């Protein structure tokens, strides 16, 4: 039963990564692409790694997969935020109709 659930998580993760790649092509600006890529890669790779852990158990591979999940869930959103903020402060314009918080614009001038 655990093996079936492990394979299900791996397949689910592959679907997340696939739709994340489609999102990179279809989204209108860099900020939407960051959001799409971050969510899909975080949940997709996390699902694949957790499925790997379920298939291998508490072996060295399984423990490494768990460590990678922790690293991924901590660093992927942080890196995406830093890149998005860097793009905003360097002057990359979002798509028309996007509202930007005034706090972010004021930080740019400081």
PDB file of N, CA and C in Angstrom:
ATOM      1  N   UNK A   1       0.818  -1.203   0.000  1.00  0.00           N
ATOM      2  CA  UNK A   1       0.000   0.000   0.000  1.00  0.00           C
ATOM      3  C   UNK A   1       0.863   1.270   0.000  1.00  0.00           C
ATOM      4  N   UNK A   2       1.936   1.250   0.801  1.00  0.00           N
ATOM      5  CA  UNK A   2       2.821   2.420   0.844  1.00  0.00           C
ATOM      6  C   UNK A   2       3.523   2.593  -0.502  1.00  0.00           C
ATOM      7  N   UNK A   3       3.849   1.482  -1.147  1.00  0.00           N
ATOM      8  CA  UNK A   3       4.512   1.573  -2.452  1.00  0.00           C
ATOM      9  C   UNK A   3       3.596   2.236  -3.485  1.00  0.00           C
ATOM     10  N   UNK A   4       2.318   1.900  -3.470  1.00  0.00           N
ATOM     11  CA  UNK A   4       1.364   2.520  -4.404  1.00  0.00           C
ATOM     12  C   UNK A   4       1.250   4.010  -4.131  1.00  0.00           C
ATOM     13  N   UNK A   5       1.182   4.381  -2.853  1.00  0.00           N
ATOM     14  CA  UNK A   5       1.102   5.802  -2.495  1.00  0.00           C
ATOM     15  C   UNK A   5       2.382   6.535  -2.884  1.00  0.00           C
ATOM     16  N   UNK A   6       3.541   5.885  -2.746  1.00  0.00           N
ATOM     17  CA  UNK A   6       4.807   6.482  -3.163  1.00  0.00           C
ATOM     18  C   UNK A   6       4.843   6.765  -4.657  1.00  0.00           C
ATOM     19  N   UNK A   7       4.401   5.788  -5.446  1.00  0.00           N
ATOM     20  CA  UNK A   7       4.360   5.994  -6.900  1.00  0.00           C
ATOM     21  C   UNK A   7       3.333   7.056  -7.286  1.00  0.00           C
ATOM     22  N   UNK A   8       2.211   7.107  -6.542  1.00  0.00           N
ATOM     23  CA  UNK A   8       1.220   8.142  -6.786  1.00  0.00           C
ATOM     24  C   UNK A   8       1.816   9.533  -6.546  1.00  0.00           C
ATOM     25  N   UNK A   9       2.572   9.699  -5.454  1.00  0.00           N
ATOM     26  CA  UNK A   9       3.206  10.985  -5.173  1.00  0.00           C
ATOM     27  C   UNK A   9       4.235  11.362  -6.236  1.00  0.00           C
ATOM     28  N   UNK A  10       4.983  10.395  -6.713  1.00  0.00           N
ATOM     29  CA  UNK A  10       5.964  10.674  -7.769  1.00  0.00           C
ATOM     30  C   UNK A  10       5.252  11.113  -9.041  1.00  0.00           C
ATOM     31  N   UNK A  11       4.185  10.418  -9.417  1.00  0.00           N
ATOM     32  CA  UNK A  11       3.426  10.815 -10.610  1.00  0.00           C
ATOM     33  C   UNK A  11       2.792  12.191 -10.421  1.00  0.00           C
ATOM     34  N   UNK A  12       2.252  12.448  -9.237  1.00  0.00           N
ATOM     35  CA  UNK A  12       1.658  13.748  -8.930  1.00  0.00           C
ATOM     36  C   UNK A  12       2.712  14.852  -9.039  1.00  0.00           C
ATOM     37  N   UNK A  13       3.905  14.596  -8.531  1.00  0.00           N
ATOM     38  CA  UNK A  13       4.989  15.561  -8.627  1.00  0.00           C
ATOM     39  C   UNK A  13       5.400  15.833 -10.065  1.00  0.00           C
ATOM     40  N   UNK A  14       5.424  14.793 -10.869  1.00  0.00           N
ATOM     41  CA  UNK A  14       5.745  14.987 -12.288  1.00  0.00           C
ATOM     42  C   UNK A  14       4.695  15.850 -12.984  1.00  0.00           C
ATOM     43  N   UNK A  15       3.433  15.652 -12.625  1.00  0.00           N
ATOM     44  CA  UNK A  15       2.371  16.492 -13.194  1.00  0.00           C
ATOM     45  C   UNK A  15       2.531  17.952 -12.767  1.00  0.00           C
ATOM     46  N   UNK A  16       2.869  18.193 -11.492  1.00  0.00           N
ATOM     47  CA  UNK A  16       3.111  19.553 -11.017  1.00  0.00           C
ATOM     48  C   UNK A  16       4.241  20.214 -11.801  1.00  0.00           C
ATOM     49  N   UNK A  17       5.332  19.496 -11.989  1.00  0.00           N
ATOM     50  CA  UNK A  17       6.479  20.054 -12.705  1.00  0.00           C
ATOM     51  C   UNK A  17       6.111  20.325 -14.169  1.00  0.00           C
ATOM     52  N   UNK A  18       5.357  19.423 -14.784  1.00  0.00           N
ATOM     53  CA  UNK A  18       4.933  19.618 -16.173  1.00  0.00           C
ATOM     54  C   UNK A  18       4.076  20.876 -16.317  1.00  0.00           C
ATOM     55  N   UNK A  19       3.096  21.038 -15.417  1.00  0.00           N
ATOM     56  CA  UNK A  19       2.237  22.217 -15.503  1.00  0.00           C
ATOM     57  C   UNK A  19       2.992  23.489 -15.130  1.00  0.00           C
ATOM     58  N   UNK A  20       4.001  23.368 -14.312  1.00  0.00           N
ATOM     59  CA  UNK A  20       4.859  24.518 -14.033  1.00  0.00           C
ATOM     60  C   UNK A  20       5.619  24.962 -15.271  1.00  0.00           C
ATOM     61  N   UNK A  21       6.076  24.003 -16.066  1.00  0.00           N
ATOM     62  CA  UNK A  21       6.748  24.350 -17.325  1.00  0.00           C
ATOM     63  C   UNK A  21       5.786  25.024 -18.295  1.00  0.00           C
ATOM     64  N   UNK A  22       4.551  24.544 -18.343  1.00  0.00           N
ATOM     65  CA  UNK A  22       3.552  25.212 -19.183  1.00  0.00           C
ATOM     66  C   UNK A  22       3.279  26.629 -18.691  1.00  0.00           C
ATOM     67  N   UNK A  23       3.253  26.805 -17.375  1.00  0.00           N
ATOM     68  CA  UNK A  23       3.026  28.129 -16.803  1.00  0.00           C
ATOM     69  C   UNK A  23       4.124  29.106 -17.155  1.00  0.00           C
ATOM     70  N   UNK A  24       5.359  28.622 -17.250  1.00  0.00           N
ATOM     71  CA  UNK A  24       6.460  29.505 -17.640  1.00  0.00           C
ATOM     72  C   UNK A  24       6.259  30.051 -19.047  1.00  0.00           C
ATOM     73  N   UNK A  25       5.666  29.261 -19.904  1.00  0.00           N
ATOM     74  CA  UNK A  25       5.437  29.690 -21.283  1.00  0.00           C
ATOM     75  C   UNK A  25       4.220  30.612 -21.378  1.00  0.00           C
ATOM     76  N   UNK A  26       3.195  30.341 -20.590  1.00  0.00           N
ATOM     77  CA  UNK A  26       1.918  31.032 -20.759  1.00  0.00           C
ATOM     78  C   UNK A  26       1.739  32.304 -19.948  1.00  0.00           C
ATOM     79  N   UNK A  27       2.500  32.495 -18.894  1.00  0.00           N
ATOM     80  CA  UNK A  27       2.301  33.666 -18.039  1.00  0.00           C
ATOM     81  C   UNK A  27       2.832  34.937 -18.704  1.00  0.00           C
ATOM     82  N   UNK A  28       2.191  36.081 -18.438  1.00  0.00           N
ATOM     83  CA  UNK A  28       2.500  37.294 -19.200  1.00  0.00           C
ATOM     84  C   UNK A  28       3.766  38.038 -18.789  1.00  0.00           C
ATOM     85  N   UNK A  29       4.169  37.980 -17.516  1.00  0.00           N
ATOM     86  CA  UNK A  29       5.354  38.745 -17.118  1.00  0.00           C
ATOM     87  C   UNK A  29       6.218  37.934 -16.160  1.00  0.00           C
ATOM     88  N   UNK A  30       7.343  38.522 -15.807  1.00  0.00           N
ATOM     89  CA  UNK A  30       8.341  37.808 -15.010  1.00  0.00           C
ATOM     90  C   UNK A  30       7.816  37.476 -13.618  1.00  0.00           C
ATOM     91  N   UNK A  31       6.976  38.306 -13.056  1.00  0.00           N
ATOM     92  CA  UNK A  31       6.473  38.071 -11.702  1.00  0.00           C
ATOM     93  C   UNK A  31       5.516  36.888 -11.660  1.00  0.00           C
ATOM     94  N   UNK A  32       4.648  36.778 -12.639  1.00  0.00           N
ATOM     95  CA  UNK A  32       3.751  35.620 -12.720  1.00  0.00           C
ATOM     96  C   UNK A  32       4.544  34.344 -12.977  1.00  0.00           C
ATOM     97  N   UNK A  33       5.612  34.467 -13.765  1.00  0.00           N
ATOM     98  CA  UNK A  33       6.447  33.297 -14.038  1.00  0.00           C
ATOM     99  C   UNK A  33       7.182  32.835 -12.789  1.00  0.00           C
ATOM    100  N   UNK A  34       7.670  33.781 -11.989  1.00  0.00           N
ATOM    101  CA  UNK A  34       8.305  33.410 -10.720  1.00  0.00           C
ATOM    102  C   UNK A  34       7.331  32.660  -9.822  1.00  0.00           C
ATOM    103  N   UNK A  35       6.124  33.178  -9.730  1.00  0.00           N
ATOM    104  CA  UNK A  35       5.114  32.571  -8.857  1.00  0.00           C
ATOM    105  C   UNK A  35       4.774  31.166  -9.329  1.00  0.00           C
ATOM    106  N   UNK A  36       4.565  31.015 -10.623  1.00  0.00           N
ATOM    107  CA  UNK A  36       4.221  29.709 -11.177  1.00  0.00           C
ATOM    108  C   UNK A  36       5.358  28.718 -10.985  1.00  0.00           C
ATOM    109  N   UNK A  37       6.558  29.150 -11.315  1.00  0.00           N
ATOM    110  CA  UNK A  37       7.696  28.234 -11.208  1.00  0.00           C
ATOM    111  C   UNK A  37       7.963  27.845  -9.764  1.00  0.00           C
ATOM    112  N   UNK A  38       7.861  28.795  -8.860  1.00  0.00           N
ATOM    113  CA  UNK A  38       8.159  28.496  -7.461  1.00  0.00           C
ATOM    114  C   UNK A  38       7.160  27.504  -6.876  1.00  0.00           C
ATOM    115  N   UNK A  39       5.880  27.759  -7.075  1.00  0.00           N
ATOM    116  CA  UNK A  39       4.880  26.850  -6.511  1.00  0.00           C
ATOM    117  C   UNK A  39       4.983  25.460  -7.116  1.00  0.00           C
ATOM    118  N   UNK A  40       5.069  25.397  -8.424  1.00  0.00           N
ATOM    119  CA  UNK A  40       5.064  24.089  -9.069  1.00  0.00           C
ATOM    120  C   UNK A  40       6.334  23.306  -8.798  1.00  0.00           C
ATOM    121  N   UNK A  41       7.469  23.960  -8.801  1.00  0.00           N
ATOM    122  CA  UNK A  41       8.707  23.238  -8.536  1.00  0.00           C
ATOM    123  C   UNK A  41       8.781  22.823  -7.067  1.00  0.00           C
ATOM    124  N   UNK A  42       8.345  23.699  -6.168  1.00  0.00           N
ATOM    125  CA  UNK A  42       8.392  23.351  -4.752  1.00  0.00           C
ATOM    126  C   UNK A  42       7.501  22.152  -4.454  1.00  0.00           C
ATOM    127  N   UNK A  43       6.255  22.209  -4.876  1.00  0.00           N
ATOM    128  CA  UNK A  43       5.346  21.103  -4.592  1.00  0.00           C
ATOM    129  C   UNK A  43       5.632  19.883  -5.464  1.00  0.00           C
ATOM    130  N   UNK A  44       6.051  20.096  -6.689  1.00  0.00           N
ATOM    131  CA  UNK A  44       6.359  18.976  -7.567  1.00  0.00           C
ATOM    132  C   UNK A  44       7.579  18.203  -7.104  1.00  0.00           C
ATOM    133  N   UNK A  45       8.673  18.916  -6.873  1.00  0.00           N
ATOM    134  CA  UNK A  45       9.888  18.240  -6.419  1.00  0.00           C
ATOM    135  C   UNK A  45       9.714  17.692  -5.010  1.00  0.00           C
ATOM    136  N   UNK A  46       8.972  18.420  -4.168  1.00  0.00           N
ATOM    137  CA  UNK A  46       8.708  17.908  -2.826  1.00  0.00           C
ATOM    138  C   UNK A  46       7.908  16.617  -2.856  1.00  0.00           C
ATOM    139  N   UNK A  47       6.946  16.547  -3.746  1.00  0.00           N
ATOM    140  CA  UNK A  47       6.144  15.332  -3.879  1.00  0.00           C
ATOM    141  C   UNK A  47       6.983  14.176  -4.417  1.00  0.00           C
ATOM    142  N   UNK A  48       7.826  14.460  -5.390  1.00  0.00           N
ATOM    143  CA  UNK A  48       8.702  13.417  -5.935  1.00  0.00           C
ATOM    144  C   UNK A  48       9.661  12.909  -4.862  1.00  0.00           C
ATOM    145  N   UNK A  49      10.232  13.828  -4.099  1.00  0.00           N
ATOM    146  CA  UNK A  49      11.173  13.426  -3.055  1.00  0.00           C
ATOM    147  C   UNK A  49      10.482  12.649  -1.934  1.00  0.00           C
ATOM    148  N   UNK A  50       9.275  13.065  -1.556  1.00  0.00           N
ATOM    149  CA  UNK A  50       8.569  12.333  -0.507  1.00  0.00           C
ATOM    150  C   UNK A  50       8.136  10.958  -1.008  1.00  0.00           C
ATOM    151  N   UNK A  51       7.758  10.860  -2.279  1.00  0.00           N
ATOM    152  CA  UNK A  51       7.462   9.545  -2.849  1.00  0.00           C
ATOM    153  C   UNK A  51       8.688   8.651  -2.860  1.00  0.00           C
ATOM    154  N   UNK A  52       9.838   9.243  -3.133  1.00  0.00           N
ATOM    155  CA  UNK A  52      11.089   8.485  -3.079  1.00  0.00           C
ATOM    156  C   UNK A  52      11.362   8.001  -1.661  1.00  0.00           C
ATOM    157  N   UNK A  53      11.110   8.878  -0.686  1.00  0.00           N
ATOM    158  CA  UNK A  53      11.287   8.477   0.708  1.00  0.00           C
ATOM    159  C   UNK A  53      10.363   7.309   1.060  1.00  0.00           C
ATOM    160  N   UNK A  54       9.109   7.367   0.621  1.00  0.00           N
ATOM    161  CA  UNK A  54       8.180   6.276   0.923  1.00  0.00           C
ATOM    162  C   UNK A  54       8.623   4.965   0.277  1.00  0.00           C
ATOM    163  N   UNK A  55       9.215   5.044  -0.915  1.00  0.00           N
ATOM    164  CA  UNK A  55       9.647   3.824  -1.594  1.00  0.00           C
ATOM    165  C   UNK A  55      10.909   3.241  -0.977  1.00  0.00           C
ATOM    166  N   UNK A  56      11.812   4.103  -0.496  1.00  0.00           N
ATOM    167  CA  UNK A  56      13.088   3.607   0.011  1.00  0.00           C
ATOM    168  C   UNK A  56      13.105   3.438   1.522  1.00  0.00           C
ATOM    169  N   UNK A  57      12.196   4.092   2.232  1.00  0.00           N
ATOM    170  CA  UNK A  57      12.156   3.972   3.681  1.00  0.00           C
ATOM    171  C   UNK A  57      13.257   4.793   4.346  1.00  0.00           C
ATOM    172  N   UNK A  58      13.624   4.397   5.547  1.00  0.00           N
ATOM    173  CA  UNK A  58      14.627   5.130   6.312  1.00  0.00           C
ATOM    174  C   UNK A  58      16.044   4.675   5.964  1.00  0.00           C
ATOM    175  N   UNK A  59      16.320   4.558   4.684  1.00  0.00           N
ATOM    176  CA  UNK A  59      17.677   4.256   4.227  1.00  0.00           C
ATOM    177  C   UNK A  59      18.419   5.569   4.032  1.00  0.00           C
ATOM    178  N   UNK A  60      19.652   5.485   3.559  1.00  0.00           N
ATOM    179  CA  UNK A  60      20.412   6.721   3.328  1.00  0.00           C
ATOM    180  C   UNK A  60      19.760   7.563   2.229  1.00  0.00           C
ATOM    181  N   UNK A  61      19.197   6.920   1.225  1.00  0.00           N
ATOM    182  CA  UNK A  61      18.528   7.653   0.150  1.00  0.00           C
ATOM    183  C   UNK A  61      17.272   8.342   0.675  1.00  0.00           C
ATOM    184  N   UNK A  62      16.501   7.641   1.495  1.00  0.00           N
ATOM    185  CA  UNK A  62      15.282   8.212   2.054  1.00  0.00           C
ATOM    186  C   UNK A  62      15.554   9.401   2.957  1.00  0.00           C
ATOM    187  N   UNK A  63      16.579   9.304   3.786  1.00  0.00           N
ATOM    188  CA  UNK A  63      16.919  10.418   4.671  1.00  0.00           C
ATOM    189  C   UNK A  63      17.444  11.619   3.889  1.00  0.00           C
ATOM    190  N   UNK A  64      18.190  11.354   2.843  1.00  0.00           N
ATOM    191  CA  UNK A  64      18.658  12.449   1.982  1.00  0.00           C
ATOM    192  C   UNK A  64      17.482  13.124   1.277  1.00  0.00           C
ATOM    193  N   UNK A  65      16.495  12.333   0.889  1.00  0.00           N
ATOM    194  CA  UNK A  65      15.297  12.911   0.262  1.00  0.00           C
ATOM    195  C   UNK A  65      14.559  13.815   1.251  1.00  0.00           C
ATOM    196  N   UNK A  66      14.461  13.391   2.511  1.00  0.00           N
ATOM    197  CA  UNK A  66      13.811  14.232   3.524  1.00  0.00           C
ATOM    198  C   UNK A  66      14.583  15.526   3.757  1.00  0.00           C
ATOM    199  N   UNK A  67      15.907  15.440   3.803  1.00  0.00           N
ATOM    200  CA  UNK A  67      16.727  16.649   3.959  1.00  0.00           C
ATOM    201  C   UNK A  67      16.563  17.585   2.765  1.00  0.00           C
ATOM    202  N   UNK A  68      16.471  17.025   1.578  1.00  0.00           N
ATOM    203  CA  UNK A  68      16.260  17.852   0.383  1.00  0.00           C
ATOM    204  C   UNK A  68      14.900  18.531   0.414  1.00  0.00           C
ATOM    205  N   UNK A  69      13.887  17.847   0.948  1.00  0.00           N
ATOM    206  CA  UNK A  69      12.554  18.453   1.059  1.00  0.00           C
ATOM    207  C   UNK A  69      12.607  19.665   1.974  1.00  0.00           C
ATOM    208  N   UNK A  70      13.264  19.525   3.117  1.00  0.00           N
ATOM    209  CA  UNK A  70      13.376  20.645   4.054  1.00  0.00           C
ATOM    210  C   UNK A  70      14.117  21.802   3.397  1.00  0.00           C
ATOM    211  N   UNK A  71      15.239  21.509   2.748  1.00  0.00           N
ATOM    212  CA  UNK A  71      16.016  22.544   2.058  1.00  0.00           C
ATOM    213  C   UNK A  71      15.182  23.219   0.980  1.00  0.00           C
ATOM    214  N   UNK A  72      14.454  22.444   0.212  1.00  0.00           N
ATOM    215  CA  UNK A  72      13.649  22.974  -0.885  1.00  0.00           C
ATOM    216  C   UNK A  72      12.529  23.877  -0.375  1.00  0.00           C
ATOM    217  N   UNK A  73      11.818  23.436   0.659  1.00  0.00           N
ATOM    218  CA  UNK A  73      10.696  24.226   1.165  1.00  0.00           C
ATOM    219  C   UNK A  73      11.149  25.505   1.879  1.00  0.00           C
ATOM    220  N   UNK A  74      12.377  25.531   2.370  1.00  0.00           N
ATOM    221  CA  UNK A  74      12.884  26.754   2.996  1.00  0.00           C
ATOM    222  C   UNK A  74      13.474  27.729   1.979  1.00  0.00           C
ATOM    223  N   UNK A  75      14.171  27.216   0.992  1.00  0.00           N
ATOM    224  CA  UNK A  75      14.936  28.091   0.105  1.00  0.00           C
ATOM    225  C   UNK A  75      14.243  28.495  -1.184  1.00  0.00           C
ATOM    226  N   UNK A  76      13.365  27.687  -1.712  1.00  0.00           N
ATOM    227  CA  UNK A  76      12.730  28.025  -2.985  1.00  0.00           C
ATOM    228  C   UNK A  76      11.847  29.269  -2.893  1.00  0.00           C
ATOM    229  N   UNK A  77      10.952  29.382  -1.919  1.00  0.00           N
ATOM    230  CA  UNK A  77      10.161  30.620  -1.828  1.00  0.00           C
ATOM    231  C   UNK A  77      11.009  31.844  -1.489  1.00  0.00           C
ATOM    232  N   UNK A  78      12.036  31.651  -0.668  1.00  0.00           N
ATOM    233  CA  UNK A  78      12.908  32.766  -0.301  1.00  0.00           C
ATOM    234  C   UNK A  78      13.663  33.283  -1.523  1.00  0.00           C
ATOM    235  N   UNK A  79      14.194  32.384  -2.312  1.00  0.00           N
ATOM    236  CA  UNK A  79      14.919  32.786  -3.514  1.00  0.00           C
ATOM    237  C   UNK A  79      13.997  33.460  -4.522  1.00  0.00           C
ATOM    238  N   UNK A  80      12.786  32.954  -4.677  1.00  0.00           N
ATOM    239  CA  UNK A  80      11.832  33.562  -5.597  1.00  0.00           C
ATOM    240  C   UNK A  80      11.465  34.974  -5.155  1.00  0.00           C
ATOM    241  N   UNK A  81      11.275  35.152  -3.851  1.00  0.00           N
ATOM    242  CA  UNK A  81      10.964  36.485  -3.334  1.00  0.00           C
ATOM    243  C   UNK A  81      12.123  37.446  -3.592  1.00  0.00           C
ATOM    244  N   UNK A  82      13.338  36.999  -3.342  1.00  0.00           N
ATOM    245  CA  UNK A  82      14.501  37.859  -3.555  1.00  0.00           C
ATOM    246  C   UNK A  82      14.656  38.234  -5.029  1.00  0.00           C
ATOM    247  N   UNK A  83      14.438  37.286  -5.917  1.00  0.00           N
ATOM    248  CA  UNK A  83      14.542  37.579  -7.346  1.00  0.00           C
ATOM    249  C   UNK A  83      13.432  38.521  -7.810  1.00  0.00           C
ATOM    250  N   UNK A  84      12.224  38.321  -7.299  1.00  0.00           N
ATOM    251  CA  UNK A  84      11.114  39.204  -7.671  1.00  0.00           C
ATOM    252  C   UNK A  84      11.344  40.617  -7.170  1.00  0.00           C
ATOM    253  N   UNK A  85      11.815  40.740  -5.938  1.00  0.00           N
ATOM    254  CA  UNK A  85      12.092  42.059  -5.379  1.00  0.00           C
ATOM    255  C   UNK A  85      13.232  42.734  -6.141  1.00  0.00           C
ATOM    256  N   UNK A  86      14.234  41.966  -6.522  1.00  0.00           N
ATOM    257  CA  UNK A  86      15.315  42.508  -7.329  1.00  0.00           C
ATOM    258  C   UNK A  86      14.837  42.980  -8.693  1.00  0.00           C
ATOM    259  N   UNK A  87      13.932  42.229  -9.282  1.00  0.00           N
ATOM    260  CA  UNK A  87      13.383  42.639 -10.580  1.00  0.00           C
ATOM    261  C   UNK A  87      12.573  43.922 -10.434  1.00  0.00           C
ATOM    262  N   UNK A  88      11.808  44.031  -9.346  1.00  0.00           N
ATOM    263  CA  UNK A  88      11.003  45.225  -9.122  1.00  0.00           C
ATOM    264  C   UNK A  88      11.883  46.450  -8.897  1.00  0.00           C
ATOM    265  N   UNK A  89      12.909  46.301  -8.090  1.00  0.00           N
ATOM    266  CA  UNK A  89      13.774  47.450  -7.793  1.00  0.00           C
ATOM    267  C   UNK A  89      14.666  47.827  -8.972  1.00  0.00           C
ATOM    268  N   UNK A  90      14.905  46.907  -9.887  1.00  0.00           N
ATOM    269  CA  UNK A  90      15.709  47.254 -11.061  1.00  0.00           C
ATOM    270  C   UNK A  90      14.871  47.838 -12.190  1.00  0.00           C
ATOM    271  N   UNK A  91      13.546  47.880 -12.004  1.00  0.00           N
ATOM    272  CA  UNK A  91      12.700  48.564 -12.973  1.00  0.00           C
ATOM    273  C   UNK A  91      11.948  47.684 -13.943  1.00  0.00           C
ATOM    274  N   UNK A  92      11.905  46.388 -13.721  1.00  0.00           N
ATOM    275  CA  UNK A  92      11.129  45.509 -14.600  1.00  0.00           C
ATOM    276  C   UNK A  92       9.649  45.769 -14.334  1.00  0.00           C
ATOM    277  N   UNK A  93       8.930  46.153 -15.373  1.00  0.00           N
ATOM    278  CA  UNK A  93       7.521  46.523 -15.238  1.00  0.00           C
ATOM    279  C   UNK A  93       6.628  45.283 -15.247  1.00  0.00           C
ATOM    280  N   UNK A  94       5.655  45.241 -14.332  1.00  0.00           N
ATOM    281  CA  UNK A  94       4.678  44.153 -14.382  1.00  0.00           C
ATOM    282  C   UNK A  94       3.642  44.410 -15.476  1.00  0.00           C
ATOM    283  N   UNK A  95       2.820  43.421 -15.739  1.00  0.00           N
ATOM    284  CA  UNK A  95       1.786  43.533 -16.752  1.00  0.00           C
ATOM    285  C   UNK A  95       0.787  44.615 -16.325  1.00  0.00           C
ATOM    286  N   UNK A  96       0.138  45.251 -17.293  1.00  0.00           N
ATOM    287  CA  UNK A  96      -0.822  46.317 -16.982  1.00  0.00           C
ATOM    288  C   UNK A  96      -1.944  45.788 -16.102  1.00  0.00           C
ATOM    289  N   UNK A  97      -2.361  46.627 -15.149  1.00  0.00           N
ATOM    290  CA  UNK A  97      -3.430  46.259 -14.244  1.00  0.00           C
ATOM    291  C   UNK A  97      -2.936  45.673 -12.932  1.00  0.00           C
ATOM    292  N   UNK A  98      -1.636  45.489 -12.794  1.00  0.00           N
ATOM    293  CA  UNK A  98      -1.082  44.961 -11.558  1.00  0.00           C
ATOM    294  C   UNK A  98      -0.895  46.090 -10.559  1.00  0.00           C
ATOM    295  N   UNK A  99      -1.383  45.888  -9.348  1.00  0.00           N
ATOM    296  CA  UNK A  99      -1.212  46.890  -8.302  1.00  0.00           C
ATOM    297  C   UNK A  99       0.030  46.555  -7.488  1.00  0.00           C
ATOM    298  N   UNK A 100       0.873  47.561  -7.269  1.00  0.00           N
ATOM    299  CA  UNK A 100       2.100  47.384  -6.502  1.00  0.00           C
ATOM    300  C   UNK A 100       1.949  48.126  -5.182  1.00  0.00           C
ATOM    301  N   UNK A 101       2.336  47.492  -4.087  1.00  0.00           N
ATOM    302  CA  UNK A 101       2.254  48.143  -2.795  1.00  0.00           C
ATOM    303  C   UNK A 101       3.207  49.336  -2.743  1.00  0.00           C
ATOM    304  N   UNK A 102       2.760  50.425  -2.150  1.00  0.00           N
ATOM    305  CA  UNK A 102       3.572  51.634  -2.092  1.00  0.00           C
ATOM    306  C   UNK A 102       4.823  51.433  -1.248  1.00  0.00           C
ATOM    307  N   UNK A 103       4.792  50.515  -0.289  1.00  0.00           N
ATOM    308  CA  UNK A 103       5.972  50.260   0.536  1.00  0.00           C
ATOM    309  C   UNK A 103       7.136  49.800  -0.325  1.00  0.00           C
ATOM    310  N   UNK A 104       6.858  48.955  -1.312  1.00  0.00           N
ATOM    311  CA  UNK A 104       7.917  48.426  -2.159  1.00  0.00           C
ATOM    312  C   UNK A 104       8.519  49.514  -3.043  1.00  0.00           C
ATOM    313  N   UNK A 105       7.691  50.411  -3.519  1.00  0.00           N
ATOM    314  CA  UNK A 105       8.185  51.485  -4.378  1.00  0.00           C
ATOM    315  C   UNK A 105       9.020  52.477  -3.569  1.00  0.00           C
ATOM    316  N   UNK A 106       8.596  52.760  -2.330  1.00  0.00           N
ATOM    317  CA  UNK A 106       9.351  53.695  -1.484  1.00  0.00           C
ATOM    318  C   UNK A 106      10.699  53.127  -1.113  1.00  0.00           C
ATOM    319  N   UNK A 107      10.796  51.811  -0.908  1.00  0.00           N
ATOM    320  CA  UNK A 107      12.081  51.185  -0.602  1.00  0.00           C
ATOM    321  C   UNK A 107      13.053  51.338  -1.757  1.00  0.00           C
ATOM    322  N   UNK A 108      12.525  51.389  -2.965  1.00  0.00           N
ATOM    323  CA  UNK A 108      13.359  51.508  -4.144  1.00  0.00           C
ATOM    324  C   UNK A 108      14.107  52.836  -4.157  1.00  0.00           C
ATOM    325  N   UNK A 109      13.461  53.897  -3.691  1.00  0.00           N
ATOM    326  CA  UNK A 109      14.088  55.206  -3.719  1.00  0.00           C
ATOM    327  C   UNK A 109      15.090  55.383  -2.587  1.00  0.00           C
ATOM    328  N   UNK A 110      15.008  54.605  -1.544  1.00  0.00           N
ATOM    329  CA  UNK A 110      15.885  54.792  -0.383  1.00  0.00           C
ATOM    330  C   UNK A 110      17.287  54.345  -0.645  1.00  0.00           C
TER     331      UNK A 110
END
